[in-house]
PDB file of all heavy atoms in Angstrom:
ATOM      1  N   PHE A   1       6.859   7.389 -11.248  1.00  0.00           N
ATOM      2  CA  PHE A   1       8.322   7.531 -11.439  1.00  0.00           C
ATOM      3  C   PHE A   1       9.106   7.076 -10.181  1.00  0.00           C
ATOM      4  O   PHE A   1       8.617   7.180  -9.053  1.00  0.00           O
ATOM      5  CB  PHE A   1       8.639   8.989 -11.727  1.00  0.00           C
ATOM      6  CG  PHE A   1       8.445   9.411 -13.165  1.00  0.00           C
ATOM      7  CD1 PHE A   1       7.200   9.869 -13.614  1.00  0.00           C
ATOM      8  CD2 PHE A   1       9.452   9.269 -14.075  1.00  0.00           C
ATOM      9  CE1 PHE A   1       7.015  10.190 -14.930  1.00  0.00           C
ATOM     10  CE2 PHE A   1       9.285   9.604 -15.391  1.00  0.00           C
ATOM     11  CZ  PHE A   1       8.061  10.075 -15.825  1.00  0.00           C
ATOM     12  N   VAL A   2      10.320   6.696 -10.464  1.00  0.00           N
ATOM     13  CA  VAL A   2      11.309   6.448  -9.446  1.00  0.00           C
ATOM     14  C   VAL A   2      12.370   7.515  -9.668  1.00  0.00           C
ATOM     15  O   VAL A   2      12.899   7.638 -10.775  1.00  0.00           O
ATOM     16  CB  VAL A   2      11.911   5.037  -9.531  1.00  0.00           C
ATOM     17  CG1 VAL A   2      12.925   4.832  -8.416  1.00  0.00           C
ATOM     18  CG2 VAL A   2      10.833   3.961  -9.483  1.00  0.00           C
ATOM     19  N   ALA A   3      12.730   8.307  -8.638  1.00  0.00           N
ATOM     20  CA  ALA A   3      13.661   9.386  -8.836  1.00  0.00           C
ATOM     21  C   ALA A   3      14.580   9.517  -7.590  1.00  0.00           C
ATOM     22  O   ALA A   3      14.294   9.029  -6.531  1.00  0.00           O
ATOM     23  CB  ALA A   3      12.907  10.710  -9.059  1.00  0.00           C
ATOM     24  N   LYS A   4      15.676  10.233  -7.746  1.00  0.00           N
ATOM     25  CA  LYS A   4      16.605  10.391  -6.639  1.00  0.00           C
ATOM     26  C   LYS A   4      15.964  11.312  -5.610  1.00  0.00           C
ATOM     27  O   LYS A   4      15.207  12.219  -5.844  1.00  0.00           O
ATOM     28  CB  LYS A   4      17.928  11.043  -7.186  1.00  0.00           C
ATOM     29  CG  LYS A   4      17.765  12.348  -7.890  1.00  0.00           C
ATOM     30  CD  LYS A   4      19.121  12.781  -8.424  1.00  0.00           C
ATOM     31  CE  LYS A   4      19.009  14.145  -9.194  1.00  0.00           C
ATOM     32  NZ  LYS A   4      20.314  14.598  -9.745  1.00  0.00           N
ATOM     33  N   ALA A   5      16.379  11.072  -4.352  1.00  0.00           N
ATOM     34  CA  ALA A   5      15.758  11.743  -3.204  1.00  0.00           C
ATOM     35  C   ALA A   5      15.902  13.282  -3.247  1.00  0.00           C
ATOM     36  O   ALA A   5      15.074  14.010  -2.691  1.00  0.00           O
ATOM     37  CB  ALA A   5      16.343  11.203  -1.908  1.00  0.00           C
ATOM     38  N   GLU A   6      16.973  13.736  -3.936  1.00  0.00           N
ATOM     39  CA  GLU A   6      17.190  15.196  -3.943  1.00  0.00           C
ATOM     40  C   GLU A   6      16.038  15.971  -4.561  1.00  0.00           C
ATOM     41  O   GLU A   6      15.794  17.148  -4.290  1.00  0.00           O
ATOM     42  CB  GLU A   6      18.491  15.459  -4.731  1.00  0.00           C
ATOM     43  CG  GLU A   6      19.752  15.082  -4.015  1.00  0.00           C
ATOM     44  CD  GLU A   6      20.181  13.654  -4.363  1.00  0.00           C
ATOM     45  OE1 GLU A   6      19.283  12.857  -4.726  1.00  0.00           O
ATOM     46  OE2 GLU A   6      21.391  13.326  -4.270  1.00  0.00           O
ATOM     47  N   ILE A   7      15.319  15.354  -5.470  1.00  0.00           N
ATOM     48  CA  ILE A   7      14.202  15.996  -6.176  1.00  0.00           C
ATOM     49  C   ILE A   7      13.140  16.450  -5.188  1.00  0.00           C
ATOM     50  O   ILE A   7      12.460  17.500  -5.384  1.00  0.00           O
ATOM     51  CB  ILE A   7      13.628  15.099  -7.214  1.00  0.00           C
ATOM     52  CG1 ILE A   7      14.622  14.920  -8.370  1.00  0.00           C
ATOM     53  CG2 ILE A   7      12.297  15.631  -7.774  1.00  0.00           C
ATOM     54  CD1 ILE A   7      14.180  13.993  -9.492  1.00  0.00           C
ATOM     55  N   ARG A   8      12.986  15.728  -4.095  1.00  0.00           N
ATOM     56  CA  ARG A   8      11.938  16.039  -3.089  1.00  0.00           C
ATOM     57  C   ARG A   8      12.150  17.429  -2.549  1.00  0.00           C
ATOM     58  O   ARG A   8      11.200  18.062  -2.087  1.00  0.00           O
ATOM     59  CB  ARG A   8      11.923  15.008  -1.989  1.00  0.00           C
ATOM     60  CG  ARG A   8      10.758  15.158  -1.032  1.00  0.00           C
ATOM     61  CD  ARG A   8      10.858  14.179   0.128  1.00  0.00           C
ATOM     62  NE  ARG A   8      10.329  12.886  -0.194  1.00  0.00           N
ATOM     63  CZ  ARG A   8      10.883  11.727   0.137  1.00  0.00           C
ATOM     64  NH1 ARG A   8      12.025  11.722   0.717  1.00  0.00           N
ATOM     65  NH2 ARG A   8      10.289  10.568  -0.191  1.00  0.00           N
ATOM     66  N   SER A   9      13.401  17.966  -2.486  1.00  0.00           N
ATOM     67  CA  SER A   9      13.715  19.225  -1.897  1.00  0.00           C
ATOM     68  C   SER A   9      13.519  20.394  -2.866  1.00  0.00           C
ATOM     69  O   SER A   9      13.637  21.571  -2.509  1.00  0.00           O
ATOM     70  CB  SER A   9      15.142  19.246  -1.362  1.00  0.00           C
ATOM     71  OG  SER A   9      16.063  19.114  -2.445  1.00  0.00           O
ATOM     72  N   TRP A  10      13.195  20.096  -4.148  1.00  0.00           N
ATOM     73  CA  TRP A  10      12.962  21.184  -5.069  1.00  0.00           C
ATOM     74  C   TRP A  10      11.790  22.034  -4.674  1.00  0.00           C
ATOM     75  O   TRP A  10      10.775  21.493  -4.254  1.00  0.00           O
ATOM     76  CB  TRP A  10      12.724  20.673  -6.511  1.00  0.00           C
ATOM     77  CG  TRP A  10      13.895  20.023  -7.171  1.00  0.00           C
ATOM     78  CD1 TRP A  10      15.176  20.017  -6.706  1.00  0.00           C
ATOM     79  CD2 TRP A  10      13.908  19.338  -8.398  1.00  0.00           C
ATOM     80  NE1 TRP A  10      15.963  19.326  -7.590  1.00  0.00           N
ATOM     81  CE2 TRP A  10      15.219  18.923  -8.624  1.00  0.00           C
ATOM     82  CE3 TRP A  10      12.907  19.035  -9.335  1.00  0.00           C
ATOM     83  CZ2 TRP A  10      15.606  18.209  -9.794  1.00  0.00           C
ATOM     84  CZ3 TRP A  10      13.283  18.309 -10.457  1.00  0.00           C
ATOM     85  CH2 TRP A  10      14.582  17.893 -10.700  1.00  0.00           C
ATOM     86  N   PRO A  11      11.854  23.391  -4.801  1.00  0.00           N
ATOM     87  CA  PRO A  11      10.735  24.249  -4.405  1.00  0.00           C
ATOM     88  C   PRO A  11       9.491  23.884  -5.234  1.00  0.00           C
ATOM     89  O   PRO A  11       9.521  23.813  -6.492  1.00  0.00           O
ATOM     90  CB  PRO A  11      11.214  25.616  -4.773  1.00  0.00           C
ATOM     91  CG  PRO A  11      12.722  25.522  -4.731  1.00  0.00           C
ATOM     92  CD  PRO A  11      13.035  24.175  -5.198  1.00  0.00           C
ATOM     93  N   LEU A  12       8.387  23.625  -4.561  1.00  0.00           N
ATOM     94  CA  LEU A  12       7.092  23.337  -5.158  1.00  0.00           C
ATOM     95  C   LEU A  12       7.065  22.065  -5.975  1.00  0.00           C
ATOM     96  O   LEU A  12       6.238  21.158  -5.777  1.00  0.00           O
ATOM     97  CB  LEU A  12       6.580  24.494  -6.012  1.00  0.00           C
ATOM     98  CG  LEU A  12       6.433  25.867  -5.299  1.00  0.00           C
ATOM     99  CD1 LEU A  12       5.886  26.933  -6.249  1.00  0.00           C
ATOM    100  CD2 LEU A  12       5.463  25.744  -4.081  1.00  0.00           C
ATOM    101  N   ALA A  13       7.932  21.982  -6.997  1.00  0.00           N
ATOM    102  CA  ALA A  13       7.959  20.806  -7.926  1.00  0.00           C
ATOM    103  C   ALA A  13       8.224  19.511  -7.149  1.00  0.00           C
ATOM    104  O   ALA A  13       7.659  18.477  -7.477  1.00  0.00           O
ATOM    105  CB  ALA A  13       8.935  21.047  -9.012  1.00  0.00           C
ATOM    106  N   GLY A  14       9.103  19.585  -6.128  1.00  0.00           N
ATOM    107  CA  GLY A  14       9.386  18.388  -5.337  1.00  0.00           C
ATOM    108  C   GLY A  14       8.192  17.827  -4.619  1.00  0.00           C
ATOM    109  O   GLY A  14       7.952  16.614  -4.658  1.00  0.00           O
ATOM    110  N   TRP A  15       7.414  18.732  -4.061  1.00  0.00           N
ATOM    111  CA  TRP A  15       6.181  18.304  -3.320  1.00  0.00           C
ATOM    112  C   TRP A  15       5.177  17.724  -4.335  1.00  0.00           C
ATOM    113  O   TRP A  15       4.548  16.738  -4.067  1.00  0.00           O
ATOM    114  CB  TRP A  15       5.616  19.484  -2.608  1.00  0.00           C
ATOM    115  CG  TRP A  15       4.505  19.112  -1.673  1.00  0.00           C
ATOM    116  CD1 TRP A  15       4.607  18.870  -0.343  1.00  0.00           C
ATOM    117  CD2 TRP A  15       3.098  19.005  -1.950  1.00  0.00           C
ATOM    118  NE1 TRP A  15       3.387  18.603   0.223  1.00  0.00           N
ATOM    119  CE2 TRP A  15       2.432  18.658  -0.761  1.00  0.00           C
ATOM    120  CE3 TRP A  15       2.370  19.162  -3.126  1.00  0.00           C
ATOM    121  CZ2 TRP A  15       1.054  18.475  -0.691  1.00  0.00           C
ATOM    122  CZ3 TRP A  15       0.970  18.960  -3.052  1.00  0.00           C
ATOM    123  CH2 TRP A  15       0.354  18.608  -1.864  1.00  0.00           C
ATOM    124  N   LEU A  16       5.079  18.343  -5.489  1.00  0.00           N
ATOM    125  CA  LEU A  16       4.132  17.910  -6.502  1.00  0.00           C
ATOM    126  C   LEU A  16       4.445  16.521  -7.008  1.00  0.00           C
ATOM    127  O   LEU A  16       3.539  15.654  -7.047  1.00  0.00           O
ATOM    128  CB  LEU A  16       4.161  18.912  -7.678  1.00  0.00           C
ATOM    129  CG  LEU A  16       3.227  20.084  -7.580  1.00  0.00           C
ATOM    130  CD1 LEU A  16       3.550  21.102  -8.709  1.00  0.00           C
ATOM    131  CD2 LEU A  16       1.783  19.686  -7.681  1.00  0.00           C
ATOM    132  N   VAL A  17       5.671  16.280  -7.413  1.00  0.00           N
ATOM    133  CA  VAL A  17       6.021  14.940  -7.918  1.00  0.00           C
ATOM    134  C   VAL A  17       5.880  13.873  -6.846  1.00  0.00           C
ATOM    135  O   VAL A  17       5.579  12.731  -7.149  1.00  0.00           O
ATOM    136  CB  VAL A  17       7.364  14.958  -8.634  1.00  0.00           C
ATOM    137  CG1 VAL A  17       7.456  15.827  -9.813  1.00  0.00           C
ATOM    138  CG2 VAL A  17       8.496  15.305  -7.645  1.00  0.00           C
ATOM    139  N   ASP A  18       6.144  14.264  -5.603  1.00  0.00           N
ATOM    140  CA  ASP A  18       5.962  13.343  -4.513  1.00  0.00           C
ATOM    141  C   ASP A  18       4.466  12.936  -4.411  1.00  0.00           C
ATOM    142  O   ASP A  18       4.113  11.728  -4.395  1.00  0.00           O
ATOM    143  CB  ASP A  18       6.389  14.017  -3.214  1.00  0.00           C
ATOM    144  CG  ASP A  18       6.302  13.084  -1.994  1.00  0.00           C
ATOM    145  OD1 ASP A  18       6.071  11.853  -2.195  1.00  0.00           O
ATOM    146  OD2 ASP A  18       6.440  13.576  -0.882  1.00  0.00           O
ATOM    147  N   LYS A  19       3.561  13.869  -4.415  1.00  0.00           N
ATOM    148  CA  LYS A  19       2.147  13.628  -4.241  1.00  0.00           C
ATOM    149  C   LYS A  19       1.546  12.980  -5.478  1.00  0.00           C
ATOM    150  O   LYS A  19       0.473  12.328  -5.435  1.00  0.00           O
ATOM    151  CB  LYS A  19       1.349  14.892  -3.951  1.00  0.00           C
ATOM    152  CG  LYS A  19       1.763  15.508  -2.589  1.00  0.00           C
ATOM    153  CD  LYS A  19       1.629  14.541  -1.426  1.00  0.00           C
ATOM    154  CE  LYS A  19       2.048  15.166  -0.152  1.00  0.00           C
ATOM    155  NZ  LYS A  19       1.993  14.125   0.961  1.00  0.00           N
ATOM    156  N   ALA A  20       2.251  13.106  -6.621  1.00  0.00           N
ATOM    157  CA  ALA A  20       1.770  12.430  -7.863  1.00  0.00           C
ATOM    158  C   ALA A  20       2.151  11.009  -7.900  1.00  0.00           C
ATOM    159  O   ALA A  20       1.812  10.283  -8.831  1.00  0.00           O
ATOM    160  CB  ALA A  20       2.331  13.164  -9.091  1.00  0.00           C
ATOM    161  N   GLY A  21       2.850  10.505  -6.849  1.00  0.00           N
ATOM    162  CA  GLY A  21       3.178   9.076  -6.740  1.00  0.00           C
ATOM    163  C   GLY A  21       4.614   8.716  -7.002  1.00  0.00           C
ATOM    164  O   GLY A  21       4.956   7.519  -7.077  1.00  0.00           O
ATOM    165  N   THR A  22       5.514   9.706  -7.120  1.00  0.00           N
ATOM    166  CA  THR A  22       6.879   9.437  -7.351  1.00  0.00           C
ATOM    167  C   THR A  22       7.520   8.656  -6.132  1.00  0.00           C
ATOM    168  O   THR A  22       7.238   9.009  -4.986  1.00  0.00           O
ATOM    169  CB  THR A  22       7.706  10.714  -7.629  1.00  0.00           C
ATOM    170  OG1 THR A  22       7.152  11.355  -8.786  1.00  0.00           O
ATOM    171  CG2 THR A  22       9.135  10.446  -7.823  1.00  0.00           C
ATOM    172  N   VAL A  23       8.363   7.708  -6.439  1.00  0.00           N
ATOM    173  CA  VAL A  23       9.076   7.012  -5.404  1.00  0.00           C
ATOM    174  C   VAL A  23      10.511   7.505  -5.375  1.00  0.00           C
ATOM    175  O   VAL A  23      11.183   7.559  -6.396  1.00  0.00           O
ATOM    176  CB  VAL A  23       9.090   5.452  -5.663  1.00  0.00           C
ATOM    177  CG1 VAL A  23       9.896   4.728  -4.638  1.00  0.00           C
ATOM    178  CG2 VAL A  23       7.661   4.942  -5.709  1.00  0.00           C
ATOM    179  N   PHE A  24      10.993   7.914  -4.173  1.00  0.00           N
ATOM    180  CA  PHE A  24      12.361   8.526  -4.073  1.00  0.00           C
ATOM    181  C   PHE A  24      13.339   7.548  -3.504  1.00  0.00           C
ATOM    182  O   PHE A  24      13.046   6.791  -2.546  1.00  0.00           O
ATOM    183  CB  PHE A  24      12.264   9.779  -3.200  1.00  0.00           C
ATOM    184  CG  PHE A  24      11.446  10.899  -3.793  1.00  0.00           C
ATOM    185  CD1 PHE A  24      10.132  11.116  -3.336  1.00  0.00           C
ATOM    186  CD2 PHE A  24      11.905  11.628  -4.823  1.00  0.00           C
ATOM    187  CE1 PHE A  24       9.377  12.159  -3.817  1.00  0.00           C
ATOM    188  CE2 PHE A  24      11.136  12.679  -5.358  1.00  0.00           C
ATOM    189  CZ  PHE A  24       9.853  12.930  -4.865  1.00  0.00           C
ATOM    190  N   ILE A  25      14.524   7.538  -4.100  1.00  0.00           N
ATOM    191  CA  ILE A  25      15.576   6.654  -3.625  1.00  0.00           C
ATOM    192  C   ILE A  25      16.732   7.465  -3.076  1.00  0.00           C
ATOM    193  O   ILE A  25      17.260   8.387  -3.732  1.00  0.00           O
ATOM    194  CB  ILE A  25      16.106   5.786  -4.814  1.00  0.00           C
ATOM    195  CG1 ILE A  25      15.046   4.848  -5.303  1.00  0.00           C
ATOM    196  CG2 ILE A  25      17.331   5.002  -4.394  1.00  0.00           C
ATOM    197  CD1 ILE A  25      15.500   3.981  -6.452  1.00  0.00           C
ATOM    198  N   ALA A  26      17.159   7.180  -1.869  1.00  0.00           N
ATOM    199  CA  ALA A  26      18.337   7.843  -1.265  1.00  0.00           C
ATOM    200  C   ALA A  26      19.595   7.076  -1.674  1.00  0.00           C
ATOM    201  O   ALA A  26      19.615   5.822  -1.566  1.00  0.00           O
ATOM    202  CB  ALA A  26      18.171   7.836   0.260  1.00  0.00           C
ATOM    203  N   ARG A  27      20.571   7.774  -2.101  1.00  0.00           N
ATOM    204  CA  ARG A  27      21.835   7.158  -2.586  1.00  0.00           C
ATOM    205  C   ARG A  27      22.490   6.413  -1.446  1.00  0.00           C
ATOM    206  O   ARG A  27      22.614   6.943  -0.324  1.00  0.00           O
ATOM    207  CB  ARG A  27      22.753   8.206  -3.166  1.00  0.00           C
ATOM    208  CG  ARG A  27      22.239   8.846  -4.432  1.00  0.00           C
ATOM    209  CD  ARG A  27      23.168   9.910  -4.937  1.00  0.00           C
ATOM    210  NE  ARG A  27      22.695  10.605  -6.136  1.00  0.00           N
ATOM    211  CZ  ARG A  27      23.312  11.593  -6.690  1.00  0.00           C
ATOM    212  NH1 ARG A  27      24.457  12.061  -6.200  1.00  0.00           N
ATOM    213  NH2 ARG A  27      22.815  12.149  -7.792  1.00  0.00           N
ATOM    214  N   GLY A  28      22.905   5.228  -1.707  1.00  0.00           N
ATOM    215  CA  GLY A  28      23.691   4.458  -0.774  1.00  0.00           C
ATOM    216  C   GLY A  28      22.871   3.763   0.331  1.00  0.00           C
ATOM    217  O   GLY A  28      23.454   3.116   1.200  1.00  0.00           O
ATOM    218  N   ASN A  29      21.550   3.899   0.267  1.00  0.00           N
ATOM    219  CA  ASN A  29      20.750   3.296   1.302  1.00  0.00           C
ATOM    220  C   ASN A  29      20.164   1.964   0.760  1.00  0.00           C
ATOM    221  O   ASN A  29      19.165   1.878   0.056  1.00  0.00           O
ATOM    222  CB  ASN A  29      19.538   4.253   1.620  1.00  0.00           C
ATOM    223  CG  ASN A  29      18.801   3.809   2.848  1.00  0.00           C
ATOM    224  OD1 ASN A  29      18.723   2.591   3.152  1.00  0.00           O
ATOM    225  ND2 ASN A  29      18.233   4.771   3.584  1.00  0.00           N
ATOM    226  N   ARG A  30      20.887   0.848   1.096  1.00  0.00           N
ATOM    227  CA  ARG A  30      20.518  -0.453   0.591  1.00  0.00           C
ATOM    228  C   ARG A  30      19.164  -0.931   1.140  1.00  0.00           C
ATOM    229  O   ARG A  30      18.362  -1.548   0.421  1.00  0.00           O
ATOM    230  CB  ARG A  30      21.615  -1.457   0.906  1.00  0.00           C
ATOM    231  CG  ARG A  30      22.911  -1.214   0.139  1.00  0.00           C
ATOM    232  CD  ARG A  30      23.936  -2.281   0.424  1.00  0.00           C
ATOM    233  NE  ARG A  30      25.148  -2.097  -0.304  1.00  0.00           N
ATOM    234  CZ  ARG A  30      25.360  -2.514  -1.534  1.00  0.00           C
ATOM    235  NH1 ARG A  30      24.398  -3.182  -2.175  1.00  0.00           N
ATOM    236  NH2 ARG A  30      26.490  -2.288  -2.157  1.00  0.00           N
ATOM    237  N   ARG A  31      18.864  -0.630   2.385  1.00  0.00           N
ATOM    238  CA  ARG A  31      17.601  -1.007   2.982  1.00  0.00           C
ATOM    239  C   ARG A  31      16.476  -0.332   2.285  1.00  0.00           C
ATOM    240  O   ARG A  31      15.440  -0.904   1.939  1.00  0.00           O
ATOM    241  CB  ARG A  31      17.590  -0.684   4.469  1.00  0.00           C
ATOM    242  CG  ARG A  31      16.276  -1.037   5.146  1.00  0.00           C
ATOM    243  CD  ARG A  31      16.272  -0.678   6.624  1.00  0.00           C
ATOM    244  NE  ARG A  31      17.272  -1.477   7.363  1.00  0.00           N
ATOM    245  CZ  ARG A  31      17.518  -1.358   8.640  1.00  0.00           C
ATOM    246  NH1 ARG A  31      16.779  -0.469   9.360  1.00  0.00           N
ATOM    247  NH2 ARG A  31      18.376  -2.119   9.243  1.00  0.00           N
ATOM    248  N   ASP A  32      16.645   0.991   1.975  1.00  0.00           N
ATOM    249  CA  ASP A  32      15.652   1.762   1.258  1.00  0.00           C
ATOM    250  C   ASP A  32      15.408   1.153  -0.105  1.00  0.00           C
ATOM    251  O   ASP A  32      14.290   1.036  -0.577  1.00  0.00           O
ATOM    252  CB  ASP A  32      16.104   3.210   1.147  1.00  0.00           C
ATOM    253  CG  ASP A  32      15.016   4.109   0.637  1.00  0.00           C
ATOM    254  OD1 ASP A  32      13.824   3.934   1.013  1.00  0.00           O
ATOM    255  OD2 ASP A  32      15.356   4.990  -0.173  1.00  0.00           O
ATOM    256  N   LEU A  33      16.521   0.785  -0.786  1.00  0.00           N
ATOM    257  CA  LEU A  33      16.449   0.211  -2.124  1.00  0.00           C
ATOM    258  C   LEU A  33      15.688  -1.111  -2.119  1.00  0.00           C
ATOM    259  O   LEU A  33      14.843  -1.320  -3.001  1.00  0.00           O
ATOM    260  CB  LEU A  33      17.869   0.010  -2.708  1.00  0.00           C
ATOM    261  CG  LEU A  33      17.943  -0.477  -4.131  1.00  0.00           C
ATOM    262  CD1 LEU A  33      17.220   0.428  -5.111  1.00  0.00           C
ATOM    263  CD2 LEU A  33      19.384  -0.691  -4.545  1.00  0.00           C
ATOM    264  N   ARG A  34      15.929  -1.944  -1.134  1.00  0.00           N
ATOM    265  CA  ARG A  34      15.234  -3.223  -1.076  1.00  0.00           C
ATOM    266  C   ARG A  34      13.700  -3.022  -0.911  1.00  0.00           C
ATOM    267  O   ARG A  34      12.873  -3.683  -1.469  1.00  0.00           O
ATOM    268  CB  ARG A  34      15.771  -4.078   0.079  1.00  0.00           C
ATOM    269  CG  ARG A  34      17.119  -4.688  -0.262  1.00  0.00           C
ATOM    270  CD  ARG A  34      17.418  -5.842   0.731  1.00  0.00           C
ATOM    271  NE  ARG A  34      17.499  -5.328   2.117  1.00  0.00           N
ATOM    272  CZ  ARG A  34      18.643  -4.922   2.639  1.00  0.00           C
ATOM    273  NH1 ARG A  34      19.746  -4.910   1.967  1.00  0.00           N
ATOM    274  NH2 ARG A  34      18.681  -4.471   3.896  1.00  0.00           N
ATOM    275  N   HIS A  35      13.306  -2.068  -0.006  1.00  0.00           N
ATOM    276  CA  HIS A  35      11.947  -1.743   0.224  1.00  0.00           C
ATOM    277  C   HIS A  35      11.276  -1.210  -1.033  1.00  0.00           C
ATOM    278  O   HIS A  35      10.106  -1.596  -1.360  1.00  0.00           O
ATOM    279  CB  HIS A  35      11.850  -0.731   1.394  1.00  0.00           C
ATOM    280  CG  HIS A  35      10.457  -0.257   1.652  1.00  0.00           C
ATOM    281  ND1 HIS A  35       9.508  -1.086   2.239  1.00  0.00           N
ATOM    282  CD2 HIS A  35       9.813   0.921   1.392  1.00  0.00           C
ATOM    283  CE1 HIS A  35       8.322  -0.418   2.351  1.00  0.00           C
ATOM    284  NE2 HIS A  35       8.519   0.809   1.878  1.00  0.00           N
ATOM    285  N   ILE A  36      11.923  -0.295  -1.717  1.00  0.00           N
ATOM    286  CA  ILE A  36      11.398   0.301  -2.928  1.00  0.00           C
ATOM    287  C   ILE A  36      11.301  -0.758  -4.007  1.00  0.00           C
ATOM    288  O   ILE A  36      10.296  -0.778  -4.778  1.00  0.00           O
ATOM    289  CB  ILE A  36      12.281   1.456  -3.374  1.00  0.00           C
ATOM    290  CG1 ILE A  36      12.138   2.642  -2.439  1.00  0.00           C
ATOM    291  CG2 ILE A  36      11.955   1.865  -4.808  1.00  0.00           C
ATOM    292  CD1 ILE A  36      13.138   3.747  -2.627  1.00  0.00           C
ATOM    293  N   PHE A  37      12.282  -1.664  -4.095  1.00  0.00           N
ATOM    294  CA  PHE A  37      12.260  -2.671  -5.061  1.00  0.00           C
ATOM    295  C   PHE A  37      10.992  -3.551  -4.946  1.00  0.00           C
ATOM    296  O   PHE A  37      10.313  -3.849  -5.924  1.00  0.00           O
ATOM    297  CB  PHE A  37      13.500  -3.575  -4.937  1.00  0.00           C
ATOM    298  CG  PHE A  37      13.540  -4.733  -5.889  1.00  0.00           C
ATOM    299  CD1 PHE A  37      13.955  -4.573  -7.210  1.00  0.00           C
ATOM    300  CD2 PHE A  37      13.099  -6.046  -5.457  1.00  0.00           C
ATOM    301  CE1 PHE A  37      13.987  -5.700  -8.049  1.00  0.00           C
ATOM    302  CE2 PHE A  37      13.120  -7.115  -6.317  1.00  0.00           C
ATOM    303  CZ  PHE A  37      13.578  -6.932  -7.666  1.00  0.00           C
ATOM    304  N   LYS A  38      10.605  -3.971  -3.734  1.00  0.00           N
ATOM    305  CA  LYS A  38       9.464  -4.723  -3.513  1.00  0.00           C
ATOM    306  C   LYS A  38       8.201  -3.970  -3.941  1.00  0.00           C
ATOM    307  O   LYS A  38       7.258  -4.538  -4.538  1.00  0.00           O
ATOM    308  CB  LYS A  38       9.341  -5.160  -2.054  1.00  0.00           C
ATOM    309  CG  LYS A  38      10.402  -6.116  -1.573  1.00  0.00           C
ATOM    310  CD  LYS A  38      10.228  -6.406  -0.088  1.00  0.00           C
ATOM    311  CE  LYS A  38      11.360  -7.394   0.340  1.00  0.00           C
ATOM    312  NZ  LYS A  38      11.215  -7.653   1.849  1.00  0.00           N
ATOM    313  N   GLY A  39       8.193  -2.645  -3.656  1.00  0.00           N
ATOM    314  CA  GLY A  39       7.053  -1.845  -4.080  1.00  0.00           C
ATOM    315  C   GLY A  39       6.888  -1.773  -5.591  1.00  0.00           C
ATOM    316  O   GLY A  39       5.786  -1.740  -6.107  1.00  0.00           O
ATOM    317  N   LEU A  40       8.030  -1.664  -6.266  1.00  0.00           N
ATOM    318  CA  LEU A  40       7.988  -1.541  -7.738  1.00  0.00           C
ATOM    319  C   LEU A  40       7.458  -2.868  -8.317  1.00  0.00           C
ATOM    320  O   LEU A  40       6.663  -2.801  -9.280  1.00  0.00           O
ATOM    321  CB  LEU A  40       9.402  -1.265  -8.269  1.00  0.00           C
ATOM    322  CG  LEU A  40       9.999   0.097  -7.985  1.00  0.00           C
ATOM    323  CD1 LEU A  40      11.380   0.193  -8.585  1.00  0.00           C
ATOM    324  CD2 LEU A  40       9.084   1.189  -8.405  1.00  0.00           C
ATOM    325  N   VAL A  41       7.902  -3.980  -7.830  1.00  0.00           N
ATOM    326  CA  VAL A  41       7.430  -5.263  -8.324  1.00  0.00           C
ATOM    327  C   VAL A  41       5.933  -5.360  -8.168  1.00  0.00           C
ATOM    328  O   VAL A  41       5.174  -5.751  -9.066  1.00  0.00           O
ATOM    329  CB  VAL A  41       8.133  -6.452  -7.603  1.00  0.00           C
ATOM    330  CG1 VAL A  41       7.494  -7.776  -8.023  1.00  0.00           C
ATOM    331  CG2 VAL A  41       9.589  -6.427  -7.946  1.00  0.00           C
ATOM    332  N   HIS A  42       5.412  -4.940  -6.965  1.00  0.00           N
ATOM    333  CA  HIS A  42       3.985  -4.966  -6.705  1.00  0.00           C
ATOM    334  C   HIS A  42       3.236  -4.038  -7.668  1.00  0.00           C
ATOM    335  O   HIS A  42       2.164  -4.415  -8.222  1.00  0.00           O
ATOM    336  CB  HIS A  42       3.716  -4.525  -5.312  1.00  0.00           C
ATOM    337  CG  HIS A  42       2.262  -4.432  -4.925  1.00  0.00           C
ATOM    338  ND1 HIS A  42       1.463  -5.549  -4.690  1.00  0.00           N
ATOM    339  CD2 HIS A  42       1.425  -3.375  -4.788  1.00  0.00           C
ATOM    340  CE1 HIS A  42       0.240  -5.154  -4.464  1.00  0.00           C
ATOM    341  NE2 HIS A  42       0.204  -3.830  -4.463  1.00  0.00           N
TER     342      HIS A  42
END
């Protein structure tokens, strides 16, 4: 999954979805978006 960065702060569930391979996107961070975009294509 690709999800908004706020999910990472959820109690327990945030850590779980992170370790399950979720990719988090920070709003307004264009550099982060470009890096994530390349990872998604791969």
